[in-house]
Amino acid sequence: MGILRAVLDVLIPIKGIGIDELSLVLERVRGVEGVNITVKEIDVETESILIVIEGRDIDLKEVERELLNYGGVIHSIDQVISGKKIVEIPEFLYEL
């Protein structure tokens, strides 16, 4: 089934594309069915954003290419879920 969800910590230029437009760009990537972008921090020249992408067989290389096209850089990949279904982190692990 490939990648079902990816959570990316991304840095984008403040004077570049807005998160509304970026979400529409990423929505067109092969396998993507939904995109959630949340601003974590705003600096003078950059925004730190959290991108959650869900779908079926998501092409992460294409996601990265699109981000680079708009001056974005993946700081880290914080979660990847693949397989036939989405497996969530059990609640008890949040308490550890």
PDB file of N, CA and C in Angstrom:
ATOM      1  N   MET A   1       0.807  -1.201   0.000  1.00  0.00           N
ATOM      2  CA  MET A   1       0.000   0.000   0.000  1.00  0.00           C
ATOM      3  C   MET A   1       0.850   1.265   0.000  1.00  0.00           C
ATOM      4  N   GLY A   2       2.084   1.194   0.431  1.00  0.00           N
ATOM      5  CA  GLY A   2       2.934   2.378   0.446  1.00  0.00           C
ATOM      6  C   GLY A   2       2.652   3.274   1.637  1.00  0.00           C
ATOM      7  N   ILE A   3       3.082   4.523   1.526  1.00  0.00           N
ATOM      8  CA  ILE A   3       2.967   5.478   2.626  1.00  0.00           C
ATOM      9  C   ILE A   3       1.543   6.018   2.719  1.00  0.00           C
ATOM     10  N   LEU A   4       0.973   5.946   3.927  1.00  0.00           N
ATOM     11  CA  LEU A   4      -0.386   6.426   4.192  1.00  0.00           C
ATOM     12  C   LEU A   4      -0.393   7.797   4.867  1.00  0.00           C
ATOM     13  N   ARG A   5       0.621   8.058   5.698  1.00  0.00           N
ATOM     14  CA  ARG A   5       0.718   9.348   6.391  1.00  0.00           C
ATOM     15  C   ARG A   5       2.178   9.720   6.561  1.00  0.00           C
ATOM     16  N   ALA A   6       2.454  11.009   6.406  1.00  0.00           N
ATOM     17  CA  ALA A   6       3.779  11.541   6.698  1.00  0.00           C
ATOM     18  C   ALA A   6       3.605  12.850   7.450  1.00  0.00           C
ATOM     19  N   VAL A   7       4.409  13.025   8.491  1.00  0.00           N
ATOM     20  CA  VAL A   7       4.414  14.265   9.262  1.00  0.00           C
ATOM     21  C   VAL A   7       5.795  14.888   9.085  1.00  0.00           C
ATOM     22  N   LEU A   8       5.806  16.097   8.506  1.00  0.00           N
ATOM     23  CA  LEU A   8       7.055  16.752   8.141  1.00  0.00           C
ATOM     24  C   LEU A   8       7.206  18.079   8.871  1.00  0.00           C
ATOM     25  N   ASP A   9       8.397  18.317   9.397  1.00  0.00           N
ATOM     26  CA  ASP A   9       8.756  19.606   9.985  1.00  0.00           C
ATOM     27  C   ASP A   9       9.500  20.364   8.890  1.00  0.00           C
ATOM     28  N   VAL A  10       8.933  21.481   8.429  1.00  0.00           N
ATOM     29  CA  VAL A  10       9.435  22.160   7.232  1.00  0.00           C
ATOM     30  C   VAL A  10       9.681  23.634   7.525  1.00  0.00           C
ATOM     31  N   LEU A  11      10.711  24.176   6.886  1.00  0.00           N
ATOM     32  CA  LEU A  11      11.021  25.593   6.953  1.00  0.00           C
ATOM     33  C   LEU A  11      10.736  26.200   5.585  1.00  0.00           C
ATOM     34  N   ILE A  12       9.921  27.275   5.538  1.00  0.00           N
ATOM     35  CA  ILE A  12       9.631  27.951   4.270  1.00  0.00           C
ATOM     36  C   ILE A  12       9.920  29.445   4.418  1.00  0.00           C
ATOM     37  N   PRO A  13      10.300  30.099   3.305  1.00  0.00           N
ATOM     38  CA  PRO A  13      10.547  31.546   3.378  1.00  0.00           C
ATOM     39  C   PRO A  13       9.247  32.316   3.617  1.00  0.00           C
ATOM     40  N   ILE A  14       9.317  33.347   4.429  1.00  0.00           N
ATOM     41  CA  ILE A  14       8.130  34.125   4.788  1.00  0.00           C
ATOM     42  C   ILE A  14       7.569  34.872   3.579  1.00  0.00           C
ATOM     43  N   LYS A  15       8.433  35.258   2.650  1.00  0.00           N
ATOM     44  CA  LYS A  15       7.995  36.025   1.479  1.00  0.00           C
ATOM     45  C   LYS A  15       7.631  35.125   0.311  1.00  0.00           C
ATOM     46  N   GLY A  16       7.591  33.841   0.536  1.00  0.00           N
ATOM     47  CA  GLY A  16       7.259  32.903  -0.531  1.00  0.00           C
ATOM     48  C   GLY A  16       5.778  32.571  -0.556  1.00  0.00           C
ATOM     49  N   ILE A  17       5.496  31.362  -0.929  1.00  0.00           N
ATOM     50  CA  ILE A  17       4.128  30.858  -1.045  1.00  0.00           C
ATOM     51  C   ILE A  17       3.469  30.799   0.337  1.00  0.00           C
ATOM     52  N   GLY A  18       2.180  31.096   0.401  1.00  0.00           N
ATOM     53  CA  GLY A  18       1.436  30.988   1.653  1.00  0.00           C
ATOM     54  C   GLY A  18       1.052  29.542   1.920  1.00  0.00           C
ATOM     55  N   ILE A  19       0.696  29.250   3.168  1.00  0.00           N
ATOM     56  CA  ILE A  19       0.360  27.862   3.501  1.00  0.00           C
ATOM     57  C   ILE A  19      -0.915  27.407   2.809  1.00  0.00           C
ATOM     58  N   ASP A  20      -1.812  28.339   2.503  1.00  0.00           N
ATOM     59  CA  ASP A  20      -3.030  27.970   1.780  1.00  0.00           C
ATOM     60  C   ASP A  20      -2.704  27.482   0.371  1.00  0.00           C
ATOM     61  N   GLU A  21      -1.827  28.218  -0.315  1.00  0.00           N
ATOM     62  CA  GLU A  21      -1.423  27.816  -1.664  1.00  0.00           C
ATOM     63  C   GLU A  21      -0.579  26.544  -1.628  1.00  0.00           C
ATOM     64  N   LEU A  22       0.319  26.457  -0.642  1.00  0.00           N
ATOM     65  CA  LEU A  22       1.183  25.286  -0.530  1.00  0.00           C
ATOM     66  C   LEU A  22       0.363  24.020  -0.315  1.00  0.00           C
ATOM     67  N   SER A  23      -0.693  24.109   0.468  1.00  0.00           N
ATOM     68  CA  SER A  23      -1.531  22.924   0.700  1.00  0.00           C
ATOM     69  C   SER A  23      -2.159  22.437  -0.600  1.00  0.00           C
ATOM     70  N   LEU A  24      -2.547  23.368  -1.471  1.00  0.00           N
ATOM     71  CA  LEU A  24      -3.136  22.987  -2.763  1.00  0.00           C
ATOM     72  C   LEU A  24      -2.100  22.365  -3.691  1.00  0.00           C
ATOM     73  N   VAL A  25      -0.858  22.862  -3.635  1.00  0.00           N
ATOM     74  CA  VAL A  25       0.232  22.273  -4.424  1.00  0.00           C
ATOM     75  C   VAL A  25       0.477  20.837  -3.975  1.00  0.00           C
ATOM     76  N   LEU A  26       0.573  20.626  -2.668  1.00  0.00           N
ATOM     77  CA  LEU A  26       0.865  19.292  -2.135  1.00  0.00           C
ATOM     78  C   LEU A  26      -0.296  18.332  -2.346  1.00  0.00           C
ATOM     79  N   GLU A  27      -1.502  18.854  -2.382  1.00  0.00           N
ATOM     80  CA  GLU A  27      -2.686  18.021  -2.613  1.00  0.00           C
ATOM     81  C   GLU A  27      -2.637  17.342  -3.992  1.00  0.00           C
ATOM     82  N   ARG A  28      -1.921  17.958  -4.929  1.00  0.00           N
ATOM     83  CA  ARG A  28      -1.830  17.413  -6.288  1.00  0.00           C
ATOM     84  C   ARG A  28      -0.748  16.344  -6.453  1.00  0.00           C
ATOM     85  N   VAL A  29       0.061  16.126  -5.422  1.00  0.00           N
ATOM     86  CA  VAL A  29       1.106  15.100  -5.481  1.00  0.00           C
ATOM     87  C   VAL A  29       0.456  13.720  -5.537  1.00  0.00           C
ATOM     88  N   ARG A  30       1.066  12.832  -6.310  1.00  0.00           N
ATOM     89  CA  ARG A  30       0.540  11.471  -6.476  1.00  0.00           C
ATOM     90  C   ARG A  30       0.347  10.795  -5.120  1.00  0.00           C
ATOM     91  N   GLY A  31      -0.848  10.283  -4.904  1.00  0.00           N
ATOM     92  CA  GLY A  31      -1.171   9.533  -3.696  1.00  0.00           C
ATOM     93  C   GLY A  31      -1.736  10.357  -2.556  1.00  0.00           C
ATOM     94  N   VAL A  32      -1.630  11.684  -2.635  1.00  0.00           N
ATOM     95  CA  VAL A  32      -2.090  12.540  -1.538  1.00  0.00           C
ATOM     96  C   VAL A  32      -3.604  12.728  -1.616  1.00  0.00           C
ATOM     97  N   GLU A  33      -4.275  12.494  -0.482  1.00  0.00           N
ATOM     98  CA  GLU A  33      -5.724  12.683  -0.387  1.00  0.00           C
ATOM     99  C   GLU A  33      -6.091  13.849   0.528  1.00  0.00           C
ATOM    100  N   GLY A  34      -5.184  14.227   1.423  1.00  0.00           N
ATOM    101  CA  GLY A  34      -5.455  15.334   2.335  1.00  0.00           C
ATOM    102  C   GLY A  34      -4.171  15.928   2.883  1.00  0.00           C
ATOM    103  N   VAL A  35      -4.209  17.242   3.154  1.00  0.00           N
ATOM    104  CA  VAL A  35      -3.037  17.965   3.660  1.00  0.00           C
ATOM    105  C   VAL A  35      -3.476  18.871   4.809  1.00  0.00           C
ATOM    106  N   ASN A  36      -2.700  18.868   5.894  1.00  0.00           N
ATOM    107  CA  ASN A  36      -2.916  19.776   7.016  1.00  0.00           C
ATOM    108  C   ASN A  36      -1.595  20.493   7.256  1.00  0.00           C
ATOM    109  N   ILE A  37      -1.612  21.823   7.204  1.00  0.00           N
ATOM    110  CA  ILE A  37      -0.404  22.605   7.473  1.00  0.00           C
ATOM    111  C   ILE A  37      -0.677  23.513   8.663  1.00  0.00           C
ATOM    112  N   THR A  38       0.195  23.429   9.663  1.00  0.00           N
ATOM    113  CA  THR A  38       0.078  24.239  10.870  1.00  0.00           C
ATOM    114  C   THR A  38       1.357  25.046  11.057  1.00  0.00           C
ATOM    115  N   VAL A  39       1.220  26.348  11.284  1.00  0.00           N
ATOM    116  CA  VAL A  39       2.383  27.195  11.553  1.00  0.00           C
ATOM    117  C   VAL A  39       2.807  26.982  13.003  1.00  0.00           C
ATOM    118  N   LYS A  40       4.091  26.643  13.186  1.00  0.00           N
ATOM    119  CA  LYS A  40       4.627  26.437  14.532  1.00  0.00           C
ATOM    120  C   LYS A  40       5.317  27.686  15.059  1.00  0.00           C
ATOM    121  N   GLU A  41       6.045  28.362  14.154  1.00  0.00           N
ATOM    122  CA  GLU A  41       6.833  29.512  14.587  1.00  0.00           C
ATOM    123  C   GLU A  41       7.093  30.415  13.387  1.00  0.00           C
ATOM    124  N   ILE A  42       7.082  31.721  13.644  1.00  0.00           N
ATOM    125  CA  ILE A  42       7.381  32.692  12.593  1.00  0.00           C
ATOM    126  C   ILE A  42       8.605  33.485  13.015  1.00  0.00           C
ATOM    127  N   ASP A  43       9.587  33.549  12.107  1.00  0.00           N
ATOM    128  CA  ASP A  43      10.804  34.317  12.329  1.00  0.00           C
ATOM    129  C   ASP A  43      10.788  35.498  11.358  1.00  0.00           C
ATOM    130  N   VAL A  44      11.842  36.269  11.325  1.00  0.00           N
ATOM    131  CA  VAL A  44      11.907  37.431  10.442  1.00  0.00           C
ATOM    132  C   VAL A  44      11.819  37.022   8.973  1.00  0.00           C
ATOM    133  N   GLU A  45      12.520  35.953   8.598  1.00  0.00           N
ATOM    134  CA  GLU A  45      12.582  35.551   7.190  1.00  0.00           C
ATOM    135  C   GLU A  45      11.943  34.202   6.895  1.00  0.00           C
ATOM    136  N   THR A  46      11.620  33.432   7.914  1.00  0.00           N
ATOM    137  CA  THR A  46      11.117  32.076   7.679  1.00  0.00           C
ATOM    138  C   THR A  46       9.932  31.738   8.577  1.00  0.00           C
ATOM    139  N   GLU A  47       9.207  30.713   8.150  1.00  0.00           N
ATOM    140  CA  GLU A  47       8.140  30.117   8.952  1.00  0.00           C
ATOM    141  C   GLU A  47       8.495  28.656   9.176  1.00  0.00           C
ATOM    142  N   SER A  48       8.337  28.190  10.384  1.00  0.00           N
ATOM    143  CA  SER A  48       8.474  26.775  10.692  1.00  0.00           C
ATOM    144  C   SER A  48       7.064  26.196  10.688  1.00  0.00           C
ATOM    145  N   ILE A  49       6.840  25.208   9.819  1.00  0.00           N
ATOM    146  CA  ILE A  49       5.494  24.649   9.683  1.00  0.00           C
ATOM    147  C   ILE A  49       5.517  23.136   9.867  1.00  0.00           C
ATOM    148  N   LEU A  50       4.397  22.613  10.312  1.00  0.00           N
ATOM    149  CA  LEU A  50       4.205  21.172  10.450  1.00  0.00           C
ATOM    150  C   LEU A  50       3.210  20.756   9.370  1.00  0.00           C
ATOM    151  N   ILE A  51       3.630  19.823   8.516  1.00  0.00           N
ATOM    152  CA  ILE A  51       2.778  19.356   7.426  1.00  0.00           C
ATOM    153  C   ILE A  51       2.404  17.902   7.682  1.00  0.00           C
ATOM    154  N   VAL A  52       1.106  17.632   7.725  1.00  0.00           N
ATOM    155  CA  VAL A  52       0.601  16.264   7.835  1.00  0.00           C
ATOM    156  C   VAL A  52      -0.067  15.937   6.508  1.00  0.00           C
ATOM    157  N   ILE A  53       0.408  14.861   5.880  1.00  0.00           N
ATOM    158  CA  ILE A  53      -0.124  14.437   4.584  1.00  0.00           C
ATOM    159  C   ILE A  53      -0.670  13.029   4.745  1.00  0.00           C
ATOM    160  N   GLU A  54      -1.887  12.800   4.256  1.00  0.00           N
ATOM    161  CA  GLU A  54      -2.465  11.458   4.272  1.00  0.00           C
ATOM    162  C   GLU A  54      -2.932  11.088   2.881  1.00  0.00           C
ATOM    163  N   GLY A  55      -2.914   9.791   2.606  1.00  0.00           N
ATOM    164  CA  GLY A  55      -3.364   9.296   1.311  1.00  0.00           C
ATOM    165  C   GLY A  55      -3.026   7.832   1.146  1.00  0.00           C
ATOM    166  N   ARG A  56      -2.821   7.436  -0.087  1.00  0.00           N
ATOM    167  CA  ARG A  56      -2.468   6.053  -0.427  1.00  0.00           C
ATOM    168  C   ARG A  56      -1.250   6.080  -1.329  1.00  0.00           C
ATOM    169  N   ASP A  57      -0.171   5.427  -0.901  1.00  0.00           N
ATOM    170  CA  ASP A  57       1.056   5.350  -1.690  1.00  0.00           C
ATOM    171  C   ASP A  57       1.584   6.748  -2.029  1.00  0.00           C
ATOM    172  N   ILE A  58       1.751   7.575  -1.014  1.00  0.00           N
ATOM    173  CA  ILE A  58       2.222   8.954  -1.175  1.00  0.00           C
ATOM    174  C   ILE A  58       3.659   8.955  -1.689  1.00  0.00           C
ATOM    175  N   ASP A  59       3.920   9.780  -2.687  1.00  0.00           N
ATOM    176  CA  ASP A  59       5.255   9.922  -3.266  1.00  0.00           C
ATOM    177  C   ASP A  59       6.010  11.012  -2.495  1.00  0.00           C
ATOM    178  N   LEU A  60       6.765  10.608  -1.468  1.00  0.00           N
ATOM    179  CA  LEU A  60       7.473  11.583  -0.634  1.00  0.00           C
ATOM    180  C   LEU A  60       8.557  12.329  -1.397  1.00  0.00           C
ATOM    181  N   LYS A  61       9.156  11.691  -2.382  1.00  0.00           N
ATOM    182  CA  LYS A  61      10.175  12.371  -3.201  1.00  0.00           C
ATOM    183  C   LYS A  61       9.539  13.530  -3.957  1.00  0.00           C
ATOM    184  N   GLU A  62       8.339  13.317  -4.479  1.00  0.00           N
ATOM    185  CA  GLU A  62       7.634  14.392  -5.181  1.00  0.00           C
ATOM    186  C   GLU A  62       7.220  15.495  -4.208  1.00  0.00           C
ATOM    187  N   VAL A  63       6.824  15.122  -3.003  1.00  0.00           N
ATOM    188  CA  VAL A  63       6.500  16.118  -1.975  1.00  0.00           C
ATOM    189  C   VAL A  63       7.726  16.988  -1.717  1.00  0.00           C
ATOM    190  N   GLU A  64       8.877  16.355  -1.550  1.00  0.00           N
ATOM    191  CA  GLU A  64      10.116  17.097  -1.295  1.00  0.00           C
ATOM    192  C   GLU A  64      10.460  18.014  -2.468  1.00  0.00           C
ATOM    193  N   ARG A  65      10.297  17.517  -3.704  1.00  0.00           N
ATOM    194  CA  ARG A  65      10.568  18.347  -4.890  1.00  0.00           C
ATOM    195  C   ARG A  65       9.669  19.580  -4.916  1.00  0.00           C
ATOM    196  N   GLU A  66       8.391  19.396  -4.618  1.00  0.00           N
ATOM    197  CA  GLU A  66       7.462  20.529  -4.617  1.00  0.00           C
ATOM    198  C   GLU A  66       7.845  21.544  -3.537  1.00  0.00           C
ATOM    199  N   LEU A  67       8.222  21.061  -2.365  1.00  0.00           N
ATOM    200  CA  LEU A  67       8.647  21.973  -1.305  1.00  0.00           C
ATOM    201  C   LEU A  67       9.879  22.765  -1.733  1.00  0.00           C
ATOM    202  N   LEU A  68      10.845  22.078  -2.348  1.00  0.00           N
ATOM    203  CA  LEU A  68      12.053  22.753  -2.829  1.00  0.00           C
ATOM    204  C   LEU A  68      11.729  23.791  -3.894  1.00  0.00           C
ATOM    205  N   ASN A  69      10.760  23.495  -4.760  1.00  0.00           N
ATOM    206  CA  ASN A  69      10.349  24.445  -5.805  1.00  0.00           C
ATOM    207  C   ASN A  69       9.896  25.776  -5.218  1.00  0.00           C
ATOM    208  N   TYR A  70       9.381  25.748  -4.000  1.00  0.00           N
ATOM    209  CA  TYR A  70       8.874  26.961  -3.356  1.00  0.00           C
ATOM    210  C   TYR A  70       9.777  27.429  -2.217  1.00  0.00           C
ATOM    211  N   GLY A  71      11.021  26.959  -2.212  1.00  0.00           N
ATOM    212  CA  GLY A  71      11.998  27.403  -1.227  1.00  0.00           C
ATOM    213  C   GLY A  71      11.912  26.713   0.113  1.00  0.00           C
ATOM    214  N   GLY A  72      11.101  25.664   0.204  1.00  0.00           N
ATOM    215  CA  GLY A  72      10.947  24.931   1.455  1.00  0.00           C
ATOM    216  C   GLY A  72      12.031  23.884   1.651  1.00  0.00           C
ATOM    217  N   VAL A  73      12.339  23.612   2.898  1.00  0.00           N
ATOM    218  CA  VAL A  73      13.334  22.601   3.250  1.00  0.00           C
ATOM    219  C   VAL A  73      12.753  21.724   4.352  1.00  0.00           C
ATOM    220  N   ILE A  74      12.835  20.408   4.150  1.00  0.00           N
ATOM    221  CA  ILE A  74      12.384  19.483   5.196  1.00  0.00           C
ATOM    222  C   ILE A  74      13.432  19.461   6.296  1.00  0.00           C
ATOM    223  N   HIS A  75      13.054  19.912   7.479  1.00  0.00           N
ATOM    224  CA  HIS A  75      13.946  19.899   8.636  1.00  0.00           C
ATOM    225  C   HIS A  75      14.015  18.493   9.220  1.00  0.00           C
ATOM    226  N   SER A  76      12.852  17.829   9.303  1.00  0.00           N
ATOM    227  CA  SER A  76      12.819  16.447   9.783  1.00  0.00           C
ATOM    228  C   SER A  76      11.527  15.777   9.338  1.00  0.00           C
ATOM    229  N   ILE A  77      11.597  14.461   9.233  1.00  0.00           N
ATOM    230  CA  ILE A  77      10.409  13.645   8.996  1.00  0.00           C
ATOM    231  C   ILE A  77      10.070  13.039  10.350  1.00  0.00           C
ATOM    232  N   ASP A  78       8.985  13.518  10.955  1.00  0.00           N
ATOM    233  CA  ASP A  78       8.667  13.155  12.332  1.00  0.00           C
ATOM    234  C   ASP A  78       7.809  11.904  12.469  1.00  0.00           C
ATOM    235  N   GLN A  79       7.113  11.527  11.407  1.00  0.00           N
ATOM    236  CA  GLN A  79       6.309  10.303  11.451  1.00  0.00           C
ATOM    237  C   GLN A  79       6.044   9.833  10.028  1.00  0.00           C
ATOM    238  N   VAL A  80       6.103   8.528   9.844  1.00  0.00           N
ATOM    239  CA  VAL A  80       5.695   7.907   8.579  1.00  0.00           C
ATOM    240  C   VAL A  80       4.899   6.664   8.932  1.00  0.00           C
ATOM    241  N   ILE A  81       3.734   6.517   8.304  1.00  0.00           N
ATOM    242  CA  ILE A  81       2.914   5.325   8.488  1.00  0.00           C
ATOM    243  C   ILE A  81       2.711   4.700   7.122  1.00  0.00           C
ATOM    244  N   SER A  82       2.951   3.405   7.043  1.00  0.00           N
ATOM    245  CA  SER A  82       2.741   2.702   5.775  1.00  0.00           C
ATOM    246  C   SER A  82       2.040   1.385   6.049  1.00  0.00           C
ATOM    247  N   GLY A  83       1.563   0.771   4.983  1.00  0.00           N
ATOM    248  CA  GLY A  83       0.888  -0.513   5.119  1.00  0.00           C
ATOM    249  C   GLY A  83      -0.528  -0.459   4.602  1.00  0.00           C
ATOM    250  N   LYS A  84      -1.371  -1.329   5.140  1.00  0.00           N
ATOM    251  CA  LYS A  84      -2.763  -1.405   4.699  1.00  0.00           C
ATOM    252  C   LYS A  84      -3.694  -0.521   5.525  1.00  0.00           C
ATOM    253  N   LYS A  85      -3.234  -0.116   6.729  1.00  0.00           N
ATOM    254  CA  LYS A  85      -4.070   0.744   7.566  1.00  0.00           C
ATOM    255  C   LYS A  85      -3.183   1.645   8.406  1.00  0.00           C
ATOM    256  N   ILE A  86      -3.780   2.719   8.905  1.00  0.00           N
ATOM    257  CA  ILE A  86      -3.053   3.646   9.764  1.00  0.00           C
ATOM    258  C   ILE A  86      -3.034   3.089  11.186  1.00  0.00           C
ATOM    259  N   VAL A  87      -1.837   2.966  11.727  1.00  0.00           N
ATOM    260  CA  VAL A  87      -1.649   2.482  13.090  1.00  0.00           C
ATOM    261  C   VAL A  87      -1.236   3.680  13.938  1.00  0.00           C
ATOM    262  N   GLU A  88      -2.068   4.028  14.916  1.00  0.00           N
ATOM    263  CA  GLU A  88      -1.793   5.163  15.794  1.00  0.00           C
ATOM    264  C   GLU A  88      -0.891   4.730  16.946  1.00  0.00           C
ATOM    265  N   ILE A  89      -0.197   5.696  17.539  1.00  0.00           N
ATOM    266  CA  ILE A  89       0.624   5.438  18.715  1.00  0.00           C
ATOM    267  C   ILE A  89      -0.318   5.192  19.890  1.00  0.00           C
ATOM    268  N   PRO A  90      -0.136   4.094  20.641  1.00  0.00           N
ATOM    269  CA  PRO A  90      -1.007   3.821  21.786  1.00  0.00           C
ATOM    270  C   PRO A  90      -0.928   4.944  22.828  1.00  0.00           C
ATOM    271  N   GLU A  91      -2.059   5.269  23.433  1.00  0.00           N
ATOM    272  CA  GLU A  91      -2.155   6.360  24.413  1.00  0.00           C
ATOM    273  C   GLU A  91      -1.158   6.209  25.562  1.00  0.00           C
ATOM    274  N   PHE A  92      -0.949   4.980  26.039  1.00  0.00           N
ATOM    275  CA  PHE A  92      -0.082   4.799  27.204  1.00  0.00           C
ATOM    276  C   PHE A  92       1.353   5.222  26.922  1.00  0.00           C
ATOM    277  N   LEU A  93       1.768   5.226  25.669  1.00  0.00           N
ATOM    278  CA  LEU A  93       3.135   5.638  25.344  1.00  0.00           C
ATOM    279  C   LEU A  93       3.340   7.139  25.521  1.00  0.00           C
ATOM    280  N   TYR A  94       2.278   7.921  25.456  1.00  0.00           N
ATOM    281  CA  TYR A  94       2.386   9.361  25.682  1.00  0.00           C
ATOM    282  C   TYR A  94       2.714   9.669  27.136  1.00  0.00           C
ATOM    283  N   GLU A  95       2.408   8.731  28.033  1.00  0.00           N
ATOM    284  CA  GLU A  95       2.643   8.935  29.459  1.00  0.00           C
ATOM    285  C   GLU A  95       4.064   8.590  29.868  1.00  0.00           C
ATOM    286  N   LEU A  96       4.812   7.911  29.012  1.00  0.00           N
ATOM    287  CA  LEU A  96       6.172   7.488  29.369  1.00  0.00           C
ATOM    288  C   LEU A  96       7.161   8.623  29.352  1.00  0.00           C
TER     289      LEU A  96
END
